[in-house]
Amino acid sequence: MATYNKRGFKAPKEKEENDPTLDNNYLEDVKVDEKDSATAGVFNTLDDTANKTEAWVEKNQKMIFGIVGAVALAAIGYVAYQKFVAEPKEDDAAAALFVAQQNFQQAVDGVKPDSLFVLALKGSEGQYGFVDIADNYSGTDAGNLANYYAGVSYLNTGKYNEAIESLDKFKTDDVVLSALAQGLKGDAFSQKNQPKEALEYYEKAAATNKNEFTTPMYLLKAGKAALSLGQKETALKHFQDIKDNYDASPEAAQVDALIGLAQ
């Protein structure tokens, strides 16, 4: 038999009209046979489930505490890593990259470009160059960007295989830098006299981000590479794309003659 308080049930009592203390709205405990009450069965089932759960927790509490502890430790470890390892490493990498960029920028500006590109790559006066920054600070933003700079520097010093290798390591979500990296690999293959591979990367560069700067530049290079391969139809498609969609670009001034060659 299960005993519980059944709200809304008014137990029958003999009327005592002369008893002023009687509260006819009082809800009292009544006894109901389990077999006649679905609610009572539910209560008993819940009691059994709770007892089983408590027993399981008691039996496996060491495992539970171990899991909770491991999760907490992992969270603390991640925060500590970010604070004491990742952030200082990013700062050190950025400082090293800044020094190498000075040599790179002077080389781009035409100040002793050959030697300064080499210094930018290898480092100078005890400072890291792009190669060491990429290796020693891999996993950082500056280390990743160093791969891009190294690729450009290698390309400008005639190290085409090294340029391609460095640019392959460079990863970015920036659509302009991504297009430039693909196009630079095309340049490296073109310098290696591999027009088929050059065409592939020029087409990737042109398709990566449609804009007035990189798209016509790499469409023109793709068209010229296709012409060198005897692929006139492909070349014509790229030249015509420039004429139709990028007529204000510097490349558009060249395409009329090239279209004649491709026809």
C-alpha atoms as a PDB file:
ATOM      1  CA  MET A   1       0.000   0.000   0.000  1.00  0.00           C
ATOM      2  CA  ALA A   2       1.327   3.484  -0.840  1.00  0.00           C
ATOM      3  CA  THR A   3       0.412   6.563   1.136  1.00  0.00           C
ATOM      4  CA  TYR A   4       0.580  10.010  -0.436  1.00  0.00           C
ATOM      5  CA  ASN A   5      -1.239  13.301  -0.440  1.00  0.00           C
ATOM      6  CA  LYS A   6      -3.834  13.436  -3.162  1.00  0.00           C
ATOM      7  CA  ARG A   7      -4.655  17.061  -3.914  1.00  0.00           C
ATOM      8  CA  GLY A   8      -8.178  17.887  -4.957  1.00  0.00           C
ATOM      9  CA  PHE A   9      -9.624  14.884  -3.168  1.00  0.00           C
ATOM     10  CA  LYS A  10     -12.089  15.608  -0.394  1.00  0.00           C
ATOM     11  CA  ALA A  11     -12.535  12.690   1.961  1.00  0.00           C
ATOM     12  CA  PRO A  12     -16.112  11.888   2.861  1.00  0.00           C
ATOM     13  CA  LYS A  13     -17.014  12.687   6.480  1.00  0.00           C
ATOM     14  CA  GLU A  14     -20.132  12.758   8.413  1.00  0.00           C
ATOM     15  CA  LYS A  15     -21.526  16.224   8.568  1.00  0.00           C
ATOM     16  CA  GLU A  16     -21.103  17.903  11.899  1.00  0.00           C
ATOM     17  CA  GLU A  17     -23.168  20.967  11.357  1.00  0.00           C
ATOM     18  CA  ASN A  18     -22.823  22.106  14.925  1.00  0.00           C
ATOM     19  CA  ASP A  19     -18.979  21.955  14.999  1.00  0.00           C
ATOM     20  CA  PRO A  20     -17.661  25.435  14.123  1.00  0.00           C
ATOM     21  CA  THR A  21     -14.056  24.187  13.984  1.00  0.00           C
ATOM     22  CA  LEU A  22     -14.721  21.866  11.087  1.00  0.00           C
ATOM     23  CA  ASP A  23     -13.036  22.901   7.821  1.00  0.00           C
ATOM     24  CA  ASN A  24     -14.828  21.091   5.049  1.00  0.00           C
ATOM     25  CA  ASN A  25     -12.106  22.123   2.539  1.00  0.00           C
ATOM     26  CA  TYR A  26      -9.280  20.359   4.365  1.00  0.00           C
ATOM     27  CA  LEU A  27      -7.320  17.970   2.173  1.00  0.00           C
ATOM     28  CA  GLU A  28      -6.177  15.072   4.235  1.00  0.00           C
ATOM     29  CA  ASP A  29      -3.944  12.079   3.601  1.00  0.00           C
ATOM     30  CA  VAL A  30      -5.793   9.102   2.306  1.00  0.00           C
ATOM     31  CA  LYS A  31      -4.692   5.556   1.617  1.00  0.00           C
ATOM     32  CA  VAL A  32      -5.128   4.243  -1.910  1.00  0.00           C
ATOM     33  CA  ASP A  33      -4.296   0.766  -3.112  1.00  0.00           C
ATOM     34  CA  GLU A  34      -1.347   0.825  -5.596  1.00  0.00           C
ATOM     35  CA  LYS A  35      -3.195  -1.318  -8.049  1.00  0.00           C
ATOM     36  CA  ASP A  36      -5.917   1.337  -8.255  1.00  0.00           C
ATOM     37  CA  SER A  37      -3.470   4.269  -8.704  1.00  0.00           C
ATOM     38  CA  ALA A  38      -1.185   4.843 -11.718  1.00  0.00           C
ATOM     39  CA  THR A  39       0.332   7.839  -9.894  1.00  0.00           C
ATOM     40  CA  ALA A  40       1.393   5.711  -6.967  1.00  0.00           C
ATOM     41  CA  GLY A  41       3.103   3.300  -9.368  1.00  0.00           C
ATOM     42  CA  VAL A  42       4.988   6.155 -10.936  1.00  0.00           C
ATOM     43  CA  PHE A  43       6.187   7.354  -7.544  1.00  0.00           C
ATOM     44  CA  ASN A  44       7.448   3.913  -6.649  1.00  0.00           C
ATOM     45  CA  THR A  45       9.244   3.622 -10.016  1.00  0.00           C
ATOM     46  CA  LEU A  46      10.927   6.971  -9.430  1.00  0.00           C
ATOM     47  CA  ASP A  47      12.003   5.857  -5.981  1.00  0.00           C
ATOM     48  CA  ASP A  48      13.527   2.663  -7.393  1.00  0.00           C
ATOM     49  CA  THR A  49      15.330   4.600 -10.148  1.00  0.00           C
ATOM     50  CA  ALA A  50      16.721   7.109  -7.666  1.00  0.00           C
ATOM     51  CA  ASN A  51      17.983   4.328  -5.443  1.00  0.00           C
ATOM     52  CA  LYS A  52      19.679   2.584  -8.368  1.00  0.00           C
ATOM     53  CA  THR A  53      21.252   5.873  -9.529  1.00  0.00           C
ATOM     54  CA  GLU A  54      22.592   6.588  -6.053  1.00  0.00           C
ATOM     55  CA  ALA A  55      24.067   3.100  -5.882  1.00  0.00           C
ATOM     56  CA  TRP A  56      25.721   3.480  -9.300  1.00  0.00           C
ATOM     57  CA  VAL A  57      27.180   6.875  -8.376  1.00  0.00           C
ATOM     58  CA  GLU A  58      28.500   5.503  -5.093  1.00  0.00           C
ATOM     59  CA  LYS A  59      30.050   2.536  -6.864  1.00  0.00           C
ATOM     60  CA  ASN A  60      31.630   4.623  -9.647  1.00  0.00           C
ATOM     61  CA  GLN A  61      32.413   7.841  -7.812  1.00  0.00           C
ATOM     62  CA  LYS A  62      36.168   7.481  -8.310  1.00  0.00           C
ATOM     63  CA  MET A  63      35.715   7.252 -12.068  1.00  0.00           C
ATOM     64  CA  ILE A  64      33.312  10.223 -12.072  1.00  0.00           C
ATOM     65  CA  PHE A  65      35.662  12.377 -10.021  1.00  0.00           C
ATOM     66  CA  GLY A  66      38.525  11.335 -12.295  1.00  0.00           C
ATOM     67  CA  ILE A  67      36.655  12.441 -15.428  1.00  0.00           C
ATOM     68  CA  VAL A  68      35.610  15.748 -13.874  1.00  0.00           C
ATOM     69  CA  GLY A  69      39.155  16.313 -12.678  1.00  0.00           C
ATOM     70  CA  ALA A  70      40.608  15.551 -16.095  1.00  0.00           C
ATOM     71  CA  VAL A  71      38.240  18.008 -17.807  1.00  0.00           C
ATOM     72  CA  ALA A  72      39.062  20.702 -15.265  1.00  0.00           C
ATOM     73  CA  LEU A  73      42.788  20.031 -15.626  1.00  0.00           C
ATOM     74  CA  ALA A  74      42.561  20.241 -19.424  1.00  0.00           C
ATOM     75  CA  ALA A  75      40.757  23.587 -19.205  1.00  0.00           C
ATOM     76  CA  ILE A  76      43.317  24.972 -16.770  1.00  0.00           C
ATOM     77  CA  GLY A  77      46.137  23.650 -18.938  1.00  0.00           C
ATOM     78  CA  TYR A  78      44.724  25.322 -22.058  1.00  0.00           C
ATOM     79  CA  VAL A  79      44.390  28.682 -20.304  1.00  0.00           C
ATOM     80  CA  ALA A  80      47.911  28.380 -18.888  1.00  0.00           C
ATOM     81  CA  TYR A  81      49.324  27.446 -22.315  1.00  0.00           C
ATOM     82  CA  GLN A  82      47.686  30.445 -23.964  1.00  0.00           C
ATOM     83  CA  LYS A  83      48.851  32.791 -21.217  1.00  0.00           C
ATOM     84  CA  PHE A  84      52.393  31.600 -20.608  1.00  0.00           C
ATOM     85  CA  VAL A  85      53.418  29.892 -23.872  1.00  0.00           C
ATOM     86  CA  ALA A  86      51.340  30.879 -26.915  1.00  0.00           C
ATOM     87  CA  GLU A  87      51.038  34.606 -26.264  1.00  0.00           C
ATOM     88  CA  PRO A  88      54.741  35.199 -25.454  1.00  0.00           C
ATOM     89  CA  LYS A  89      55.695  33.065 -28.471  1.00  0.00           C
ATOM     90  CA  GLU A  90      53.477  35.201 -30.719  1.00  0.00           C
ATOM     91  CA  ASP A  91      55.105  38.360 -29.334  1.00  0.00           C
ATOM     92  CA  ASP A  92      58.633  37.018 -29.873  1.00  0.00           C
ATOM     93  CA  ALA A  93      57.784  35.897 -33.406  1.00  0.00           C
ATOM     94  CA  ALA A  94      56.278  39.277 -34.297  1.00  0.00           C
ATOM     95  CA  ALA A  95      59.371  41.079 -32.985  1.00  0.00           C
ATOM     96  CA  ALA A  96      61.685  38.830 -35.010  1.00  0.00           C
ATOM     97  CA  LEU A  97      59.555  39.234 -38.131  1.00  0.00           C
ATOM     98  CA  PHE A  98      59.662  43.013 -37.837  1.00  0.00           C
ATOM     99  CA  VAL A  99      63.459  43.008 -38.065  1.00  0.00           C
ATOM    100  CA  ALA A 100      63.495  40.710 -41.106  1.00  0.00           C
ATOM    101  CA  GLN A 101      60.840  42.840 -42.795  1.00  0.00           C
ATOM    102  CA  GLN A 102      63.159  45.847 -42.697  1.00  0.00           C
ATOM    103  CA  ASN A 103      65.671  44.111 -44.963  1.00  0.00           C
ATOM    104  CA  PHE A 104      62.862  42.806 -47.162  1.00  0.00           C
ATOM    105  CA  GLN A 105      61.302  46.233 -47.650  1.00  0.00           C
ATOM    106  CA  GLN A 106      64.622  47.833 -48.546  1.00  0.00           C
ATOM    107  CA  ALA A 107      65.201  45.066 -51.092  1.00  0.00           C
ATOM    108  CA  VAL A 108      61.744  45.664 -52.607  1.00  0.00           C
ATOM    109  CA  ASP A 109      62.526  49.379 -52.769  1.00  0.00           C
ATOM    110  CA  GLY A 110      65.597  48.545 -54.845  1.00  0.00           C
ATOM    111  CA  VAL A 111      68.306  49.101 -52.235  1.00  0.00           C
ATOM    112  CA  LYS A 112      70.860  46.338 -52.892  1.00  0.00           C
ATOM    113  CA  PRO A 113      68.027  43.881 -53.565  1.00  0.00           C
ATOM    114  CA  ASP A 114      70.088  40.733 -54.057  1.00  0.00           C
ATOM    115  CA  SER A 115      72.035  40.947 -50.824  1.00  0.00           C
ATOM    116  CA  LEU A 116      69.119  42.298 -48.773  1.00  0.00           C
ATOM    117  CA  PHE A 117      66.778  39.532 -49.911  1.00  0.00           C
ATOM    118  CA  VAL A 118      69.439  37.060 -48.726  1.00  0.00           C
ATOM    119  CA  LEU A 119      69.711  38.852 -45.373  1.00  0.00           C
ATOM    120  CA  ALA A 120      65.930  38.844 -45.082  1.00  0.00           C
ATOM    121  CA  LEU A 121      65.963  35.086 -45.613  1.00  0.00           C
ATOM    122  CA  LYS A 122      68.948  34.126 -43.495  1.00  0.00           C
ATOM    123  CA  GLY A 123      69.015  36.877 -40.883  1.00  0.00           C
ATOM    124  CA  SER A 124      71.722  39.306 -39.863  1.00  0.00           C
ATOM    125  CA  GLU A 125      73.478  40.697 -36.778  1.00  0.00           C
ATOM    126  CA  GLY A 126      72.240  37.868 -34.597  1.00  0.00           C
ATOM    127  CA  GLN A 127      68.614  38.296 -35.726  1.00  0.00           C
ATOM    128  CA  TYR A 128      66.495  35.584 -37.323  1.00  0.00           C
ATOM    129  CA  GLY A 129      65.592  35.713 -40.991  1.00  0.00           C
ATOM    130  CA  PHE A 130      62.346  34.453 -42.504  1.00  0.00           C
ATOM    131  CA  VAL A 131      63.570  30.852 -42.726  1.00  0.00           C
ATOM    132  CA  ASP A 132      64.399  30.579 -39.022  1.00  0.00           C
ATOM    133  CA  ILE A 133      61.272  32.477 -37.995  1.00  0.00           C
ATOM    134  CA  ALA A 134      59.099  30.060 -39.969  1.00  0.00           C
ATOM    135  CA  ASP A 135      60.882  27.062 -38.405  1.00  0.00           C
ATOM    136  CA  ASN A 136      61.224  28.273 -34.822  1.00  0.00           C
ATOM    137  CA  TYR A 137      57.834  29.948 -34.555  1.00  0.00           C
ATOM    138  CA  SER A 138      55.696  27.502 -36.497  1.00  0.00           C
ATOM    139  CA  GLY A 139      52.111  27.645 -35.309  1.00  0.00           C
ATOM    140  CA  THR A 140      52.174  31.404 -34.831  1.00  0.00           C
ATOM    141  CA  ASP A 141      50.734  34.018 -37.175  1.00  0.00           C
ATOM    142  CA  ALA A 142      54.164  35.592 -37.653  1.00  0.00           C
ATOM    143  CA  GLY A 143      55.751  32.212 -38.351  1.00  0.00           C
ATOM    144  CA  ASN A 144      53.122  31.511 -40.990  1.00  0.00           C
ATOM    145  CA  LEU A 145      53.584  34.922 -42.613  1.00  0.00           C
ATOM    146  CA  ALA A 146      57.339  34.344 -42.665  1.00  0.00           C
ATOM    147  CA  ASN A 147      56.689  31.503 -45.132  1.00  0.00           C
ATOM    148  CA  TYR A 148      55.093  33.992 -47.526  1.00  0.00           C
ATOM    149  CA  TYR A 149      57.959  36.463 -47.236  1.00  0.00           C
ATOM    150  CA  ALA A 150      60.464  33.645 -47.654  1.00  0.00           C
ATOM    151  CA  GLY A 151      58.687  32.541 -50.837  1.00  0.00           C
ATOM    152  CA  VAL A 152      58.876  36.036 -52.317  1.00  0.00           C
ATOM    153  CA  SER A 153      62.537  36.392 -51.292  1.00  0.00           C
ATOM    154  CA  TYR A 154      63.517  33.031 -52.749  1.00  0.00           C
ATOM    155  CA  LEU A 155      61.720  33.914 -55.987  1.00  0.00           C
ATOM    156  CA  ASN A 156      63.679  37.152 -56.238  1.00  0.00           C
ATOM    157  CA  THR A 157      66.996  35.357 -55.681  1.00  0.00           C
ATOM    158  CA  GLY A 158      66.349  32.657 -58.270  1.00  0.00           C
ATOM    159  CA  LYS A 159      65.651  29.857 -55.749  1.00  0.00           C
ATOM    160  CA  TYR A 160      62.472  28.692 -57.436  1.00  0.00           C
ATOM    161  CA  ASN A 161      62.070  25.288 -55.787  1.00  0.00           C
ATOM    162  CA  GLU A 162      62.577  26.841 -52.354  1.00  0.00           C
ATOM    163  CA  ALA A 163      60.086  29.564 -53.260  1.00  0.00           C
ATOM    164  CA  ILE A 164      57.409  26.996 -54.117  1.00  0.00           C
ATOM    165  CA  GLU A 165      58.131  25.006 -50.966  1.00  0.00           C
ATOM    166  CA  SER A 166      57.807  28.067 -48.718  1.00  0.00           C
ATOM    167  CA  LEU A 167      54.633  29.269 -50.427  1.00  0.00           C
ATOM    168  CA  ASP A 168      53.101  25.798 -50.063  1.00  0.00           C
ATOM    169  CA  LYS A 169      53.551  26.122 -46.298  1.00  0.00           C
ATOM    170  CA  PHE A 170      51.793  29.475 -46.192  1.00  0.00           C
ATOM    171  CA  LYS A 171      48.133  29.250 -45.149  1.00  0.00           C
ATOM    172  CA  THR A 172      45.728  32.161 -45.055  1.00  0.00           C
ATOM    173  CA  ASP A 173      42.048  33.070 -45.107  1.00  0.00           C
ATOM    174  CA  ASP A 174      42.874  36.435 -46.641  1.00  0.00           C
ATOM    175  CA  VAL A 175      41.624  36.215 -50.214  1.00  0.00           C
ATOM    176  CA  VAL A 176      44.108  38.745 -51.631  1.00  0.00           C
ATOM    177  CA  LEU A 177      47.161  37.123 -50.031  1.00  0.00           C
ATOM    178  CA  SER A 178      45.853  33.716 -51.056  1.00  0.00           C
ATOM    179  CA  ALA A 179      45.585  34.857 -54.695  1.00  0.00           C
ATOM    180  CA  LEU A 180      49.069  36.372 -54.585  1.00  0.00           C
ATOM    181  CA  ALA A 181      50.579  33.204 -53.116  1.00  0.00           C
ATOM    182  CA  GLN A 182      49.054  31.091 -55.887  1.00  0.00           C
ATOM    183  CA  GLY A 183      50.245  33.551 -58.512  1.00  0.00           C
ATOM    184  CA  LEU A 184      53.782  33.603 -57.104  1.00  0.00           C
ATOM    185  CA  LYS A 185      53.921  29.829 -57.402  1.00  0.00           C
ATOM    186  CA  GLY A 186      52.870  30.279 -61.010  1.00  0.00           C
ATOM    187  CA  ASP A 187      55.759  32.707 -61.471  1.00  0.00           C
ATOM    188  CA  ALA A 188      58.200  30.198 -59.963  1.00  0.00           C
ATOM    189  CA  PHE A 189      57.037  27.436 -62.309  1.00  0.00           C
ATOM    190  CA  SER A 190      57.189  29.816 -65.235  1.00  0.00           C
ATOM    191  CA  GLN A 191      60.813  30.643 -64.356  1.00  0.00           C
ATOM    192  CA  LYS A 192      61.483  26.890 -64.183  1.00  0.00           C
ATOM    193  CA  ASN A 193      60.141  26.655 -67.756  1.00  0.00           C
ATOM    194  CA  GLN A 194      57.159  24.581 -66.661  1.00  0.00           C
ATOM    195  CA  PRO A 195      54.274  26.443 -68.360  1.00  0.00           C
ATOM    196  CA  LYS A 196      51.718  23.715 -67.688  1.00  0.00           C
ATOM    197  CA  GLU A 197      52.136  24.057 -63.923  1.00  0.00           C
ATOM    198  CA  ALA A 198      52.394  27.831 -64.248  1.00  0.00           C
ATOM    199  CA  LEU A 199      49.060  27.929 -66.098  1.00  0.00           C
ATOM    200  CA  GLU A 200      47.431  25.866 -63.350  1.00  0.00           C
ATOM    201  CA  TYR A 201      48.492  28.268 -60.605  1.00  0.00           C
ATOM    202  CA  TYR A 202      47.740  31.402 -62.606  1.00  0.00           C
ATOM    203  CA  GLU A 203      44.194  30.144 -63.167  1.00  0.00           C
ATOM    204  CA  LYS A 204      43.850  29.389 -59.455  1.00  0.00           C
ATOM    205  CA  ALA A 205      45.103  32.873 -58.611  1.00  0.00           C
ATOM    206  CA  ALA A 206      42.661  34.517 -61.042  1.00  0.00           C
ATOM    207  CA  ALA A 207      39.744  32.540 -59.623  1.00  0.00           C
ATOM    208  CA  THR A 208      40.595  32.948 -55.932  1.00  0.00           C
ATOM    209  CA  ASN A 209      39.317  36.483 -55.535  1.00  0.00           C
ATOM    210  CA  LYS A 210      37.639  38.447 -58.304  1.00  0.00           C
ATOM    211  CA  ASN A 211      38.957  42.011 -58.129  1.00  0.00           C
ATOM    212  CA  GLU A 212      40.340  44.751 -60.354  1.00  0.00           C
ATOM    213  CA  PHE A 213      43.951  44.189 -59.301  1.00  0.00           C
ATOM    214  CA  THR A 214      44.935  40.518 -59.093  1.00  0.00           C
ATOM    215  CA  THR A 215      42.323  38.998 -61.416  1.00  0.00           C
ATOM    216  CA  PRO A 216      43.304  40.701 -64.718  1.00  0.00           C
ATOM    217  CA  MET A 217      47.002  40.363 -63.830  1.00  0.00           C
ATOM    218  CA  TYR A 218      46.764  36.591 -63.482  1.00  0.00           C
ATOM    219  CA  LEU A 219      44.307  36.184 -66.345  1.00  0.00           C
ATOM    220  CA  LEU A 220      46.930  37.807 -68.578  1.00  0.00           C
ATOM    221  CA  LYS A 221      49.670  35.504 -67.279  1.00  0.00           C
ATOM    222  CA  ALA A 222      47.374  32.487 -67.657  1.00  0.00           C
ATOM    223  CA  GLY A 223      46.592  33.462 -71.239  1.00  0.00           C
ATOM    224  CA  LYS A 224      50.277  33.833 -72.116  1.00  0.00           C
ATOM    225  CA  ALA A 225      51.101  30.488 -70.492  1.00  0.00           C
ATOM    226  CA  ALA A 226      48.275  28.861 -72.474  1.00  0.00           C
ATOM    227  CA  LEU A 227      49.608  30.399 -75.688  1.00  0.00           C
ATOM    228  CA  SER A 228      53.065  28.979 -74.998  1.00  0.00           C
ATOM    229  CA  LEU A 229      51.443  25.556 -74.662  1.00  0.00           C
ATOM    230  CA  GLY A 230      49.553  25.972 -77.943  1.00  0.00           C
ATOM    231  CA  GLN A 231      46.220  26.086 -76.092  1.00  0.00           C
ATOM    232  CA  LYS A 232      44.752  28.927 -78.118  1.00  0.00           C
ATOM    233  CA  GLU A 233      41.164  28.366 -77.050  1.00  0.00           C
ATOM    234  CA  THR A 234      42.109  28.600 -73.372  1.00  0.00           C
ATOM    235  CA  ALA A 235      44.275  31.648 -74.036  1.00  0.00           C
ATOM    236  CA  LEU A 236      41.468  33.373 -75.925  1.00  0.00           C
ATOM    237  CA  LYS A 237      39.048  32.727 -73.060  1.00  0.00           C
ATOM    238  CA  HIS A 238      41.342  34.440 -70.552  1.00  0.00           C
ATOM    239  CA  PHE A 239      42.150  37.394 -72.828  1.00  0.00           C
ATOM    240  CA  GLN A 240      38.486  37.907 -73.656  1.00  0.00           C
ATOM    241  CA  ASP A 241      37.621  37.817 -69.949  1.00  0.00           C
ATOM    242  CA  ILE A 242      39.967  40.760 -69.418  1.00  0.00           C
ATOM    243  CA  LYS A 243      38.494  42.677 -72.351  1.00  0.00           C
ATOM    244  CA  ASP A 244      34.894  42.078 -71.273  1.00  0.00           C
ATOM    245  CA  ASN A 245      35.162  42.446 -67.489  1.00  0.00           C
ATOM    246  CA  TYR A 246      38.330  44.380 -66.671  1.00  0.00           C
ATOM    247  CA  ASP A 247      38.560  46.904 -69.488  1.00  0.00           C
ATOM    248  CA  ALA A 248      39.853  49.633 -67.124  1.00  0.00           C
ATOM    249  CA  SER A 249      42.845  47.568 -66.017  1.00  0.00           C
ATOM    250  CA  PRO A 250      46.383  48.098 -67.397  1.00  0.00           C
ATOM    251  CA  GLU A 251      46.265  44.540 -68.751  1.00  0.00           C
ATOM    252  CA  ALA A 252      43.305  45.421 -70.985  1.00  0.00           C
ATOM    253  CA  ALA A 253      45.579  47.601 -73.128  1.00  0.00           C
ATOM    254  CA  GLN A 254      47.520  44.497 -74.201  1.00  0.00           C
ATOM    255  CA  VAL A 255      44.759  42.007 -74.927  1.00  0.00           C
ATOM    256  CA  ASP A 256      43.660  43.116 -78.386  1.00  0.00           C
ATOM    257  CA  ALA A 257      46.962  42.042 -79.922  1.00  0.00           C
ATOM    258  CA  LEU A 258      46.991  38.858 -77.844  1.00  0.00           C
ATOM    259  CA  ILE A 259      43.433  38.015 -78.849  1.00  0.00           C
ATOM    260  CA  GLY A 260      44.598  38.203 -82.477  1.00  0.00           C
ATOM    261  CA  LEU A 261      47.349  35.676 -81.714  1.00  0.00           C
ATOM    262  CA  ALA A 262      44.903  33.351 -79.993  1.00  0.00           C
ATOM    263  CA  GLN A 263      42.294  33.339 -82.761  1.00  0.00           C
END
